[in-house]
Amino acid sequence: MNNFLGASSSSLSDEDDSNNDELIMHILFSTAYNIVRQRDDSSNIEKSINRDRIASNELLLHDYFPSDRLYNLSKFKDRFHISRKLFVRIDARGKRGLLHFKNAQQLLKNWHTT
């Protein structure tokens, strides 16, 4: 498969591949965020339920993301298996708590490397 410059993709270094992956992920998350924002701005928004998102975020990060985490990534995948659309909606709202884009990006990178 050739890239847009005509060089074979096998000639790209690992660093270039990593940079391309990061750029693609950034574009995807930005696009999803903009789509959700536009939809929310143009529709009637129901009143949101006030949940303790900050405490939930801290608990989630403590259990799944530090080096001495309580659960491994496969357990996270099994426990929080939700549709991609819902996952993007939760993360794209920009509310503090749960997973923000940086955490979601790191999670996807970790899944990719395991």
Protein backbone atom coordinates (compact mmCIF):
# COMPACT_ATOMS: atom_id res chain seq x y z
CA MET A 1 0.00 0.00 0.00
CA ASN A 2 1.41 3.41 -0.92
CA ASN A 3 1.08 6.61 1.04
CA PHE A 4 0.31 9.96 -0.57
CA LEU A 5 4.01 10.62 -1.31
CA GLY A 6 4.37 7.39 -3.26
CA ALA A 7 6.66 5.62 -0.76
CA SER A 8 5.73 2.19 0.47
CA SER A 9 4.23 2.09 3.95
CA SER A 10 6.82 -0.48 5.04
CA SER A 11 9.57 2.15 4.63
CA LEU A 12 8.04 4.38 7.31
CA SER A 13 9.75 4.25 10.68
CA ASP A 14 7.96 3.25 13.87
CA GLU A 15 8.14 6.87 15.02
CA ASP A 16 6.36 8.06 11.86
CA ASP A 17 3.69 5.39 12.35
CA SER A 18 3.22 6.48 15.96
CA ASN A 19 2.94 10.14 14.94
CA ASN A 20 0.43 9.24 12.24
CA ASP A 21 -1.62 7.20 14.73
CA GLU A 22 -1.67 10.10 17.18
CA LEU A 23 -2.72 12.52 14.44
CA ILE A 24 -5.51 10.21 13.27
CA MET A 25 -6.77 9.72 16.83
CA HIS A 26 -6.71 13.48 17.42
CA ILE A 27 -8.70 14.11 14.24
CA LEU A 28 -11.25 11.40 15.10
CA PHE A 29 -11.79 12.66 18.64
CA SER A 30 -12.02 16.28 17.48
CA THR A 31 -14.56 15.37 14.83
CA ALA A 32 -16.66 13.36 17.29
CA TYR A 33 -16.53 16.22 19.79
CA ASN A 34 -17.68 18.74 17.16
CA ILE A 35 -20.52 16.48 15.98
CA VAL A 36 -21.84 16.03 19.52
CA ARG A 37 -21.52 19.76 20.26
CA GLN A 38 -23.42 20.71 17.10
CA ARG A 39 -26.17 18.19 17.79
CA ASP A 40 -26.54 19.34 21.41
CA ASP A 41 -26.58 23.01 20.41
CA SER A 42 -29.29 22.46 17.79
CA SER A 43 -31.61 20.19 19.78
CA ASN A 44 -33.64 20.48 22.94
CA ILE A 45 -31.39 19.36 25.73
CA GLU A 46 -33.00 17.47 28.57
CA LYS A 47 -32.03 18.36 32.08
CA SER A 48 -28.96 16.37 33.05
CA ILE A 49 -28.82 14.31 36.21
CA ASN A 50 -26.23 15.54 38.67
CA ARG A 51 -23.94 12.60 39.40
CA ASP A 52 -20.77 12.52 41.45
CA ARG A 53 -18.58 12.42 38.34
CA ILE A 54 -15.44 13.70 40.05
CA ALA A 55 -15.42 10.94 42.67
CA SER A 56 -16.27 8.35 40.01
CA ASN A 57 -13.42 9.61 37.85
CA GLU A 58 -10.94 9.37 40.73
CA LEU A 59 -12.09 5.85 41.60
CA LEU A 60 -11.93 4.73 37.98
CA LEU A 61 -8.45 6.18 37.50
CA HIS A 62 -7.24 4.62 40.76
CA ASP A 63 -8.59 1.17 39.86
CA TYR A 64 -7.53 0.96 36.19
CA PHE A 65 -4.77 3.41 35.23
CA PRO A 66 -1.83 3.58 37.72
CA SER A 67 1.11 1.18 37.46
CA ASP A 68 -0.15 -0.72 40.52
CA ARG A 69 -3.72 -0.84 39.22
CA LEU A 70 -6.32 -3.03 40.85
CA TYR A 71 -7.72 -4.40 37.56
CA ASN A 72 -6.03 -5.11 34.23
CA LEU A 73 -7.14 -3.64 30.92
CA SER A 74 -9.01 -6.77 29.83
CA LYS A 75 -11.15 -6.51 32.98
CA PHE A 76 -11.85 -2.86 32.11
CA LYS A 77 -12.91 -3.90 28.61
CA ASP A 78 -15.17 -6.63 29.99
CA ARG A 79 -16.74 -4.43 32.65
CA PHE A 80 -17.33 -1.24 30.62
CA HIS A 81 -18.27 -2.76 27.28
CA ILE A 82 -20.52 -0.10 25.77
CA SER A 83 -21.31 0.99 22.24
CA ARG A 84 -18.79 3.22 20.51
CA LYS A 85 -21.46 5.88 20.00
CA LEU A 86 -22.23 6.04 23.73
CA PHE A 87 -18.52 6.04 24.64
CA VAL A 88 -17.86 9.00 22.32
CA ARG A 89 -20.95 10.88 23.61
CA ILE A 90 -19.84 10.51 27.23
CA ASP A 91 -16.29 11.63 26.47
CA ALA A 92 -17.17 14.36 23.99
CA ARG A 93 -19.41 16.30 26.35
CA GLY A 94 -16.39 17.89 27.99
CA LYS A 95 -17.73 17.40 31.50
CA ARG A 96 -15.22 16.91 34.26
CA GLY A 97 -15.11 13.35 35.50
CA LEU A 98 -15.32 9.89 33.98
CA LEU A 99 -12.92 9.74 31.02
CA HIS A 100 -11.71 12.80 29.16
CA PHE A 101 -10.20 12.62 25.70
CA LYS A 102 -6.64 12.29 27.00
CA ASN A 103 -7.63 9.35 29.19
CA ALA A 104 -9.57 7.78 26.33
CA GLN A 105 -6.63 8.27 24.01
CA GLN A 106 -4.27 6.65 26.51
CA LEU A 107 -6.68 3.77 26.99
CA LEU A 108 -6.86 3.15 23.24
CA LYS A 109 -3.06 3.27 23.01
CA ASN A 110 -2.79 0.74 25.85
CA TRP A 111 -5.27 -1.60 24.17
CA HIS A 112 -3.35 -1.25 20.91
CA THR A 113 -0.05 -2.26 22.54
CA THR A 114 -1.38 -5.23 24.55
